[in-house]
Amino acid sequence: MDELKIRIKPILKKAEKSRLPGRIDRDYPSKVLAVFIREAVLNKLRKFASSDLHFELGGVLVGRVGKASKRMFVEITDYVPASKGISRRASFEFTNEAQQEIHQVIQERFKESRIVGWFHTHPGYGIFLSSADQFIDDHYFKERYHIAMVLDPTRHDVEAGVFIWDKGKRTRVPWFEVKV
């Protein structure tokens, strides 16, 4: 695998104290990162994922990291596609050009937000993290609040899954939609 040059700088500011952006299941463990995604953003992501049913697409998720009642959470408020990335049938690669484009868009449109993770599609392959995905995670999205989202646009309603860091490994968890 070619060496990737993605440089996702961790933001050293702490999680902001605030209220949870939505309801959370009672039995959801309090020590596990809760992931909230705005309904409109999820709909846009599903539409974007469906724009290519043959090649993987990807990008970064932007939003905020918060803390409420000792529970850490991430709220996904938008995304930035990596249009200059390399899409293949069974892989997606962030290029240096894609990274530069993403950071430019964030500076222009999302100054108050931070990168909270990344997403990519698995058209026809289902929801999982491949060894290449795990490499990207381990090297570039390793902050406790960084999430990974995988979407399969060939599945019913564009199936999506979210993975968080839990005890040093990625674990799939449910997410909570926020109707704004």
C-alpha atoms as a PDB file:
ATOM      1  CA  MET A   1       0.000   0.000   0.000  1.00  0.00           C
ATOM      2  CA  ASP A   2       1.328   3.449  -0.892  1.00  0.00           C
ATOM      3  CA  GLU A   3       2.172   5.640   2.060  1.00  0.00           C
ATOM      4  CA  LEU A   4      -0.636   8.081   2.753  1.00  0.00           C
ATOM      5  CA  LYS A   5       0.152  11.682   3.606  1.00  0.00           C
ATOM      6  CA  ILE A   6      -3.086  12.601   5.391  1.00  0.00           C
ATOM      7  CA  ARG A   7      -2.433  14.879   8.309  1.00  0.00           C
ATOM      8  CA  ILE A   8      -5.440  15.147  10.556  1.00  0.00           C
ATOM      9  CA  LYS A   9      -4.201  17.343  13.367  1.00  0.00           C
ATOM     10  CA  PRO A  10      -5.845  16.643  16.695  1.00  0.00           C
ATOM     11  CA  ILE A  11      -7.544  19.685  18.111  1.00  0.00           C
ATOM     12  CA  LEU A  12      -6.363  20.193  21.628  1.00  0.00           C
ATOM     13  CA  LYS A  13      -9.467  21.955  22.889  1.00  0.00           C
ATOM     14  CA  LYS A  14     -11.593  19.939  25.254  1.00  0.00           C
ATOM     15  CA  ALA A  15     -15.056  18.658  24.532  1.00  0.00           C
ATOM     16  CA  GLU A  16     -17.536  21.458  25.040  1.00  0.00           C
ATOM     17  CA  LYS A  17     -19.959  21.080  27.925  1.00  0.00           C
ATOM     18  CA  SER A  18     -23.491  21.121  26.618  1.00  0.00           C
ATOM     19  CA  ARG A  19     -26.724  19.222  26.461  1.00  0.00           C
ATOM     20  CA  LEU A  20     -27.042  16.092  24.381  1.00  0.00           C
ATOM     21  CA  PRO A  21     -28.260  17.010  20.887  1.00  0.00           C
ATOM     22  CA  GLY A  22     -30.965  14.340  21.043  1.00  0.00           C
ATOM     23  CA  ARG A  23     -32.371  11.403  22.934  1.00  0.00           C
ATOM     24  CA  ILE A  24     -30.223   8.414  23.719  1.00  0.00           C
ATOM     25  CA  ASP A  25     -31.312   4.873  24.548  1.00  0.00           C
ATOM     26  CA  ARG A  26     -31.433   4.274  28.302  1.00  0.00           C
ATOM     27  CA  ASP A  27     -29.356   1.118  28.100  1.00  0.00           C
ATOM     28  CA  TYR A  28     -26.583   2.740  26.035  1.00  0.00           C
ATOM     29  CA  PRO A  29     -23.407   2.475  28.163  1.00  0.00           C
ATOM     30  CA  SER A  30     -22.404   5.797  29.725  1.00  0.00           C
ATOM     31  CA  LYS A  31     -18.681   5.283  29.089  1.00  0.00           C
ATOM     32  CA  VAL A  32     -19.158   4.612  25.349  1.00  0.00           C
ATOM     33  CA  LEU A  33     -18.957   7.551  22.933  1.00  0.00           C
ATOM     34  CA  ALA A  34     -22.436   8.449  21.685  1.00  0.00           C
ATOM     35  CA  VAL A  35     -22.753   9.446  18.030  1.00  0.00           C
ATOM     36  CA  PHE A  36     -25.447  11.847  16.881  1.00  0.00           C
ATOM     37  CA  ILE A  37     -26.054  12.721  13.248  1.00  0.00           C
ATOM     38  CA  ARG A  38     -28.414  15.317  11.910  1.00  0.00           C
ATOM     39  CA  GLU A  39     -31.168  13.775   9.815  1.00  0.00           C
ATOM     40  CA  ALA A  40     -30.533  16.130   6.880  1.00  0.00           C
ATOM     41  CA  VAL A  41     -26.810  15.270   6.894  1.00  0.00           C
ATOM     42  CA  LEU A  42     -27.537  11.536   6.900  1.00  0.00           C
ATOM     43  CA  ASN A  43     -29.905  12.023   3.957  1.00  0.00           C
ATOM     44  CA  LYS A  44     -27.241  13.999   2.051  1.00  0.00           C
ATOM     45  CA  LEU A  45     -24.616  11.339   2.821  1.00  0.00           C
ATOM     46  CA  ARG A  46     -26.923   8.591   1.561  1.00  0.00           C
ATOM     47  CA  LYS A  47     -27.575  10.538  -1.641  1.00  0.00           C
ATOM     48  CA  PHE A  48     -23.842  11.141  -2.122  1.00  0.00           C
ATOM     49  CA  ALA A  49     -23.097   7.444  -1.492  1.00  0.00           C
ATOM     50  CA  SER A  50     -25.684   6.492  -4.128  1.00  0.00           C
ATOM     51  CA  SER A  51     -24.003   8.665  -6.757  1.00  0.00           C
ATOM     52  CA  ASP A  52     -21.583   5.823  -7.582  1.00  0.00           C
ATOM     53  CA  LEU A  53     -22.622   2.201  -7.174  1.00  0.00           C
ATOM     54  CA  HIS A  54     -19.404   0.797  -8.638  1.00  0.00           C
ATOM     55  CA  PHE A  55     -16.534   2.645  -6.948  1.00  0.00           C
ATOM     56  CA  GLU A  56     -15.870   3.640  -3.342  1.00  0.00           C
ATOM     57  CA  LEU A  57     -16.289   7.274  -2.340  1.00  0.00           C
ATOM     58  CA  GLY A  58     -15.081   8.969   0.819  1.00  0.00           C
ATOM     59  CA  GLY A  59     -14.516  12.117   2.794  1.00  0.00           C
ATOM     60  CA  VAL A  60     -14.490  13.535   6.306  1.00  0.00           C
ATOM     61  CA  LEU A  61     -17.248  14.154   8.809  1.00  0.00           C
ATOM     62  CA  VAL A  62     -17.384  17.513  10.542  1.00  0.00           C
ATOM     63  CA  GLY A  63     -19.152  18.563  13.680  1.00  0.00           C
ATOM     64  CA  ARG A  64     -18.539  19.012  17.342  1.00  0.00           C
ATOM     65  CA  VAL A  65     -17.414  17.010  20.334  1.00  0.00           C
ATOM     66  CA  GLY A  66     -19.323  17.541  23.534  1.00  0.00           C
ATOM     67  CA  LYS A  67     -19.783  16.297  27.041  1.00  0.00           C
ATOM     68  CA  ALA A  68     -23.048  16.072  28.934  1.00  0.00           C
ATOM     69  CA  SER A  69     -23.505  14.430  32.325  1.00  0.00           C
ATOM     70  CA  LYS A  70     -20.059  12.828  32.078  1.00  0.00           C
ATOM     71  CA  ARG A  71     -20.974  11.328  28.692  1.00  0.00           C
ATOM     72  CA  MET A  72     -18.793  12.200  25.727  1.00  0.00           C
ATOM     73  CA  PHE A  73     -20.568  12.561  22.394  1.00  0.00           C
ATOM     74  CA  VAL A  74     -19.963  13.526  18.786  1.00  0.00           C
ATOM     75  CA  GLU A  75     -22.507  15.390  16.708  1.00  0.00           C
ATOM     76  CA  ILE A  76     -22.039  15.130  12.950  1.00  0.00           C
ATOM     77  CA  THR A  77     -23.267  18.394  11.452  1.00  0.00           C
ATOM     78  CA  ASP A  78     -21.978  18.013   7.887  1.00  0.00           C
ATOM     79  CA  TYR A  79     -19.394  16.311   5.703  1.00  0.00           C
ATOM     80  CA  VAL A  80     -16.785  17.191   3.119  1.00  0.00           C
ATOM     81  CA  PRO A  81     -16.353  14.762   0.223  1.00  0.00           C
ATOM     82  CA  ALA A  82     -12.811  13.985  -0.893  1.00  0.00           C
ATOM     83  CA  SER A  83     -13.501  14.651  -4.558  1.00  0.00           C
ATOM     84  CA  LYS A  84      -9.781  14.525  -5.338  1.00  0.00           C
ATOM     85  CA  GLY A  85      -9.368  11.130  -3.684  1.00  0.00           C
ATOM     86  CA  ILE A  86      -8.775   7.954  -5.658  1.00  0.00           C
ATOM     87  CA  SER A  87     -11.882   5.786  -6.015  1.00  0.00           C
ATOM     88  CA  ARG A  88     -11.481   2.139  -6.908  1.00  0.00           C
ATOM     89  CA  ARG A  89     -13.896  -0.784  -6.971  1.00  0.00           C
ATOM     90  CA  ALA A  90     -12.841  -2.017  -3.542  1.00  0.00           C
ATOM     91  CA  SER A  91     -10.890   0.851  -1.989  1.00  0.00           C
ATOM     92  CA  PHE A  92     -10.773   4.581  -1.462  1.00  0.00           C
ATOM     93  CA  GLU A  93      -7.578   6.560  -1.019  1.00  0.00           C
ATOM     94  CA  PHE A  94      -7.167  10.042   0.436  1.00  0.00           C
ATOM     95  CA  THR A  95      -4.575  11.803  -1.716  1.00  0.00           C
ATOM     96  CA  ASN A  96      -2.560  14.841  -0.700  1.00  0.00           C
ATOM     97  CA  GLU A  97      -4.692  16.891  -3.092  1.00  0.00           C
ATOM     98  CA  ALA A  98      -7.871  15.575  -1.471  1.00  0.00           C
ATOM     99  CA  GLN A  99      -6.547  16.453   1.952  1.00  0.00           C
ATOM    100  CA  GLN A 100      -5.653  19.980   0.848  1.00  0.00           C
ATOM    101  CA  GLU A 101      -9.088  20.445  -0.689  1.00  0.00           C
ATOM    102  CA  ILE A 102     -10.807  19.183   2.476  1.00  0.00           C
ATOM    103  CA  HIS A 103      -8.850  21.526   4.725  1.00  0.00           C
ATOM    104  CA  GLN A 104      -9.566  24.463   2.405  1.00  0.00           C
ATOM    105  CA  VAL A 105     -13.310  23.739   2.505  1.00  0.00           C
ATOM    106  CA  ILE A 106     -13.202  23.417   6.294  1.00  0.00           C
ATOM    107  CA  GLN A 107     -11.405  26.779   6.597  1.00  0.00           C
ATOM    108  CA  GLU A 108     -13.964  28.426   4.306  1.00  0.00           C
ATOM    109  CA  ARG A 109     -17.220  26.814   5.475  1.00  0.00           C
ATOM    110  CA  PHE A 110     -16.692  25.076   8.808  1.00  0.00           C
ATOM    111  CA  LYS A 111     -14.346  27.214  10.920  1.00  0.00           C
ATOM    112  CA  GLU A 112     -16.360  26.533  14.079  1.00  0.00           C
ATOM    113  CA  SER A 113     -16.409  22.777  13.491  1.00  0.00           C
ATOM    114  CA  ARG A 114     -13.771  20.110  13.674  1.00  0.00           C
ATOM    115  CA  ILE A 115     -13.119  16.881  11.827  1.00  0.00           C
ATOM    116  CA  VAL A 116     -14.878  14.245  13.926  1.00  0.00           C
ATOM    117  CA  GLY A 117     -14.125  11.297  11.662  1.00  0.00           C
ATOM    118  CA  TRP A 118     -14.322   9.978   8.155  1.00  0.00           C
ATOM    119  CA  PHE A 119     -16.682   8.076   5.910  1.00  0.00           C
ATOM    120  CA  HIS A 120     -16.477   5.927   2.828  1.00  0.00           C
ATOM    121  CA  THR A 121     -18.680   3.614   0.826  1.00  0.00           C
ATOM    122  CA  HIS A 122     -18.575  -0.138   0.262  1.00  0.00           C
ATOM    123  CA  PRO A 123     -20.862  -0.609  -2.765  1.00  0.00           C
ATOM    124  CA  GLY A 124     -22.076  -4.192  -2.630  1.00  0.00           C
ATOM    125  CA  TYR A 125     -19.699  -5.267   0.151  1.00  0.00           C
ATOM    126  CA  GLY A 126     -21.630  -4.418   3.307  1.00  0.00           C
ATOM    127  CA  ILE A 127     -20.691  -2.619   6.495  1.00  0.00           C
ATOM    128  CA  PHE A 128     -17.284  -3.461   7.944  1.00  0.00           C
ATOM    129  CA  LEU A 129     -13.784  -2.006   8.196  1.00  0.00           C
ATOM    130  CA  SER A 130     -11.281  -3.631   5.859  1.00  0.00           C
ATOM    131  CA  SER A 131      -7.581  -3.886   6.666  1.00  0.00           C
ATOM    132  CA  ALA A 132      -6.980  -0.790   4.475  1.00  0.00           C
ATOM    133  CA  ASP A 133      -9.694   1.058   6.427  1.00  0.00           C
ATOM    134  CA  GLN A 134      -8.073   0.006   9.695  1.00  0.00           C
ATOM    135  CA  PHE A 135      -4.727   1.319   8.439  1.00  0.00           C
ATOM    136  CA  ILE A 136      -6.301   4.724   7.772  1.00  0.00           C
ATOM    137  CA  ASP A 137      -7.944   4.650  11.208  1.00  0.00           C
ATOM    138  CA  ASP A 138      -4.795   3.624  13.050  1.00  0.00           C
ATOM    139  CA  HIS A 139      -2.672   6.309  11.416  1.00  0.00           C
ATOM    140  CA  TYR A 140      -4.951   9.272  10.801  1.00  0.00           C
ATOM    141  CA  PHE A 141      -8.201   9.043  12.766  1.00  0.00           C
ATOM    142  CA  LYS A 142      -7.047   7.800  16.140  1.00  0.00           C
ATOM    143  CA  GLU A 143      -8.438  10.398  18.524  1.00  0.00           C
ATOM    144  CA  ARG A 144     -10.976   9.025  20.975  1.00  0.00           C
ATOM    145  CA  TYR A 145     -13.734  11.060  19.323  1.00  0.00           C
ATOM    146  CA  HIS A 146     -12.879  10.111  15.714  1.00  0.00           C
ATOM    147  CA  ILE A 147     -15.529   7.892  14.202  1.00  0.00           C
ATOM    148  CA  ALA A 148     -15.595   5.869  11.000  1.00  0.00           C
ATOM    149  CA  MET A 149     -18.787   5.576   8.968  1.00  0.00           C
ATOM    150  CA  VAL A 150     -19.315   3.041   6.192  1.00  0.00           C
ATOM    151  CA  LEU A 151     -22.236   3.211   3.777  1.00  0.00           C
ATOM    152  CA  ASP A 152     -23.343   0.571   1.282  1.00  0.00           C
ATOM    153  CA  PRO A 153     -25.428   2.292  -1.397  1.00  0.00           C
ATOM    154  CA  THR A 154     -26.548  -1.033  -2.895  1.00  0.00           C
ATOM    155  CA  ARG A 155     -28.389  -2.057   0.277  1.00  0.00           C
ATOM    156  CA  HIS A 156     -31.931  -1.020   1.218  1.00  0.00           C
ATOM    157  CA  ASP A 157     -32.130   2.702   2.050  1.00  0.00           C
ATOM    158  CA  VAL A 158     -28.308   2.912   1.756  1.00  0.00           C
ATOM    159  CA  GLU A 159     -27.288   0.904   4.810  1.00  0.00           C
ATOM    160  CA  ALA A 160     -24.862   2.742   7.092  1.00  0.00           C
ATOM    161  CA  GLY A 161     -22.768   1.771  10.091  1.00  0.00           C
ATOM    162  CA  VAL A 162     -20.753   3.777  12.603  1.00  0.00           C
ATOM    163  CA  PHE A 163     -17.581   2.616  14.343  1.00  0.00           C
ATOM    164  CA  ILE A 164     -16.020   4.221  17.434  1.00  0.00           C
ATOM    165  CA  TRP A 165     -12.835   3.624  19.371  1.00  0.00           C
ATOM    166  CA  ASP A 166     -13.548   1.468  22.409  1.00  0.00           C
ATOM    167  CA  LYS A 167     -10.711  -0.003  24.444  1.00  0.00           C
ATOM    168  CA  GLY A 168      -8.208   0.502  21.626  1.00  0.00           C
ATOM    169  CA  LYS A 169     -10.220  -1.094  18.822  1.00  0.00           C
ATOM    170  CA  ARG A 170     -13.028  -0.094  16.507  1.00  0.00           C
ATOM    171  CA  THR A 171     -16.479  -1.202  17.600  1.00  0.00           C
ATOM    172  CA  ARG A 172     -19.720  -0.776  15.681  1.00  0.00           C
ATOM    173  CA  VAL A 173     -22.356   1.149  17.613  1.00  0.00           C
ATOM    174  CA  PRO A 174     -25.783   2.544  16.863  1.00  0.00           C
ATOM    175  CA  TRP A 175     -26.086   6.244  16.148  1.00  0.00           C
ATOM    176  CA  PHE A 176     -28.815   8.617  17.170  1.00  0.00           C
ATOM    177  CA  GLU A 177     -30.535  10.839  14.602  1.00  0.00           C
ATOM    178  CA  VAL A 178     -31.201  14.467  15.402  1.00  0.00           C
ATOM    179  CA  LYS A 179     -34.130  16.128  13.671  1.00  0.00           C
ATOM    180  CA  VAL A 180     -33.226  19.784  13.262  1.00  0.00           C
END
